[in-house]
């Protein structure tokens, strides 16, 4: 089983969720208004309050075949609008 973490601007949440649905994900978790620091940007308190600096964090647990489909569907969105995606191994307890 794989774990996919996607972090991107909240404004792109609908597009990302549509791409995940198209790939056939079994489910996902969405955490809105994720803030922090990236290599080029620090989110200030003003940005957090206004929502301009807010990101979404989406977590997906699925098989590797679905990860391949997700990659096809979300890469163009992340490349155009910005964001990151990381895949790691997940072992169920």
C-alpha atoms as a PDB file:
ATOM      1  CA  UNK A   1       0.000   0.000   0.000  1.00  0.00           C
ATOM      2  CA  UNK A   2       1.172   3.533  -0.801  1.00  0.00           C
ATOM      3  CA  UNK A   3       0.546   6.868   0.902  1.00  0.00           C
ATOM      4  CA  UNK A   4       0.297   9.974  -1.241  1.00  0.00           C
ATOM      5  CA  UNK A   5       0.598  13.430   0.334  1.00  0.00           C
ATOM      6  CA  UNK A   6      -0.429  16.375  -1.840  1.00  0.00           C
ATOM      7  CA  UNK A   7       0.108  19.953  -0.640  1.00  0.00           C
ATOM      8  CA  UNK A   8      -1.093  22.777  -2.876  1.00  0.00           C
ATOM      9  CA  UNK A   9      -3.055  26.032  -2.886  1.00  0.00           C
ATOM     10  CA  UNK A  10      -6.586  25.660  -1.522  1.00  0.00           C
ATOM     11  CA  UNK A  11      -7.834  27.380  -4.668  1.00  0.00           C
ATOM     12  CA  UNK A  12      -6.979  24.231  -6.652  1.00  0.00           C
ATOM     13  CA  UNK A  13      -8.742  21.817  -4.285  1.00  0.00           C
ATOM     14  CA  UNK A  14     -11.709  21.102  -6.580  1.00  0.00           C
ATOM     15  CA  UNK A  15      -9.439  20.385  -9.556  1.00  0.00           C
ATOM     16  CA  UNK A  16      -7.242  18.050  -7.491  1.00  0.00           C
ATOM     17  CA  UNK A  17     -10.226  16.172  -6.048  1.00  0.00           C
ATOM     18  CA  UNK A  18     -11.703  15.723  -9.542  1.00  0.00           C
ATOM     19  CA  UNK A  19      -8.342  14.338 -10.713  1.00  0.00           C
ATOM     20  CA  UNK A  20      -8.261  11.905  -7.781  1.00  0.00           C
ATOM     21  CA  UNK A  21     -11.816  10.744  -8.463  1.00  0.00           C
ATOM     22  CA  UNK A  22     -10.954  10.258 -12.141  1.00  0.00           C
ATOM     23  CA  UNK A  23      -8.012   8.058 -11.091  1.00  0.00           C
ATOM     24  CA  UNK A  24     -10.338   5.873  -9.033  1.00  0.00           C
ATOM     25  CA  UNK A  25      -9.011   6.526  -5.536  1.00  0.00           C
ATOM     26  CA  UNK A  26     -10.809   4.544  -2.822  1.00  0.00           C
ATOM     27  CA  UNK A  27     -10.945   7.618  -0.563  1.00  0.00           C
ATOM     28  CA  UNK A  28      -8.959  10.567   0.720  1.00  0.00           C
ATOM     29  CA  UNK A  29      -8.535  12.933   3.642  1.00  0.00           C
ATOM     30  CA  UNK A  30      -8.571  16.712   3.132  1.00  0.00           C
ATOM     31  CA  UNK A  31      -7.088  19.159   5.591  1.00  0.00           C
ATOM     32  CA  UNK A  32      -7.843  22.733   4.607  1.00  0.00           C
ATOM     33  CA  UNK A  33      -5.954  25.832   5.585  1.00  0.00           C
ATOM     34  CA  UNK A  34      -2.583  24.156   6.012  1.00  0.00           C
ATOM     35  CA  UNK A  35       0.084  26.813   6.416  1.00  0.00           C
ATOM     36  CA  UNK A  36       3.823  26.710   6.861  1.00  0.00           C
ATOM     37  CA  UNK A  37       7.053  27.540   5.135  1.00  0.00           C
ATOM     38  CA  UNK A  38       8.300  26.481   1.741  1.00  0.00           C
ATOM     39  CA  UNK A  39      11.719  27.002   0.159  1.00  0.00           C
ATOM     40  CA  UNK A  40      10.620  30.323  -1.376  1.00  0.00           C
ATOM     41  CA  UNK A  41       7.748  31.511   0.819  1.00  0.00           C
ATOM     42  CA  UNK A  42       6.958  32.098   4.460  1.00  0.00           C
ATOM     43  CA  UNK A  43       3.264  32.312   5.295  1.00  0.00           C
ATOM     44  CA  UNK A  44       2.676  35.287   7.594  1.00  0.00           C
ATOM     45  CA  UNK A  45      -0.170  35.642  10.098  1.00  0.00           C
ATOM     46  CA  UNK A  46      -1.806  38.165   7.751  1.00  0.00           C
ATOM     47  CA  UNK A  47      -1.766  35.614   4.933  1.00  0.00           C
ATOM     48  CA  UNK A  48      -3.238  32.953   7.228  1.00  0.00           C
ATOM     49  CA  UNK A  49      -6.063  35.268   8.287  1.00  0.00           C
ATOM     50  CA  UNK A  50      -6.932  36.311   4.740  1.00  0.00           C
ATOM     51  CA  UNK A  51      -6.574  32.805   3.338  1.00  0.00           C
ATOM     52  CA  UNK A  52      -4.234  34.016   0.588  1.00  0.00           C
ATOM     53  CA  UNK A  53      -1.419  31.819   1.839  1.00  0.00           C
ATOM     54  CA  UNK A  54      -3.552  28.836   2.751  1.00  0.00           C
ATOM     55  CA  UNK A  55      -2.824  25.437   1.325  1.00  0.00           C
ATOM     56  CA  UNK A  56      -4.722  22.179   1.343  1.00  0.00           C
ATOM     57  CA  UNK A  57      -3.167  18.863   2.370  1.00  0.00           C
ATOM     58  CA  UNK A  58      -4.734  15.770   0.839  1.00  0.00           C
ATOM     59  CA  UNK A  59      -3.742  12.264   1.923  1.00  0.00           C
ATOM     60  CA  UNK A  60      -4.570   9.165  -0.120  1.00  0.00           C
ATOM     61  CA  UNK A  61      -3.891   5.504   0.720  1.00  0.00           C
ATOM     62  CA  UNK A  62      -4.078   3.222  -2.320  1.00  0.00           C
ATOM     63  CA  UNK A  63      -2.331   0.650  -4.490  1.00  0.00           C
ATOM     64  CA  UNK A  64       0.563   1.551  -6.762  1.00  0.00           C
ATOM     65  CA  UNK A  65      -1.548   1.181  -9.913  1.00  0.00           C
ATOM     66  CA  UNK A  66      -3.811   3.991  -8.740  1.00  0.00           C
ATOM     67  CA  UNK A  67      -0.757   6.117  -7.865  1.00  0.00           C
ATOM     68  CA  UNK A  68       0.278   5.892 -11.533  1.00  0.00           C
ATOM     69  CA  UNK A  69      -3.156   7.130 -12.644  1.00  0.00           C
ATOM     70  CA  UNK A  70      -3.096   9.924 -10.070  1.00  0.00           C
ATOM     71  CA  UNK A  71       0.308  11.044 -11.344  1.00  0.00           C
ATOM     72  CA  UNK A  72      -1.072  11.321 -14.871  1.00  0.00           C
ATOM     73  CA  UNK A  73      -4.016  13.379 -13.637  1.00  0.00           C
ATOM     74  CA  UNK A  74      -2.426  15.776 -11.123  1.00  0.00           C
ATOM     75  CA  UNK A  75       1.052  16.478 -12.511  1.00  0.00           C
ATOM     76  CA  UNK A  76      -0.139  19.175 -14.917  1.00  0.00           C
ATOM     77  CA  UNK A  77      -2.173  20.880 -12.164  1.00  0.00           C
ATOM     78  CA  UNK A  78       0.764  20.918  -9.745  1.00  0.00           C
ATOM     79  CA  UNK A  79       3.203  22.057 -12.426  1.00  0.00           C
ATOM     80  CA  UNK A  80       0.987  24.940 -13.503  1.00  0.00           C
ATOM     81  CA  UNK A  81      -0.340  26.158 -10.140  1.00  0.00           C
ATOM     82  CA  UNK A  82       2.399  24.912  -7.825  1.00  0.00           C
ATOM     83  CA  UNK A  83       2.344  22.333  -5.109  1.00  0.00           C
ATOM     84  CA  UNK A  84       4.082  19.123  -4.144  1.00  0.00           C
ATOM     85  CA  UNK A  85       3.245  15.440  -4.102  1.00  0.00           C
ATOM     86  CA  UNK A  86       5.137  12.703  -2.249  1.00  0.00           C
ATOM     87  CA  UNK A  87       4.595   8.961  -2.261  1.00  0.00           C
ATOM     88  CA  UNK A  88       5.725   6.716   0.584  1.00  0.00           C
ATOM     89  CA  UNK A  89       5.142   3.163   1.775  1.00  0.00           C
ATOM     90  CA  UNK A  90       2.263   2.629   4.161  1.00  0.00           C
ATOM     91  CA  UNK A  91       1.831  -0.393   6.393  1.00  0.00           C
ATOM     92  CA  UNK A  92      -1.522  -0.861   8.086  1.00  0.00           C
ATOM     93  CA  UNK A  93      -1.361  -1.592  11.816  1.00  0.00           C
END
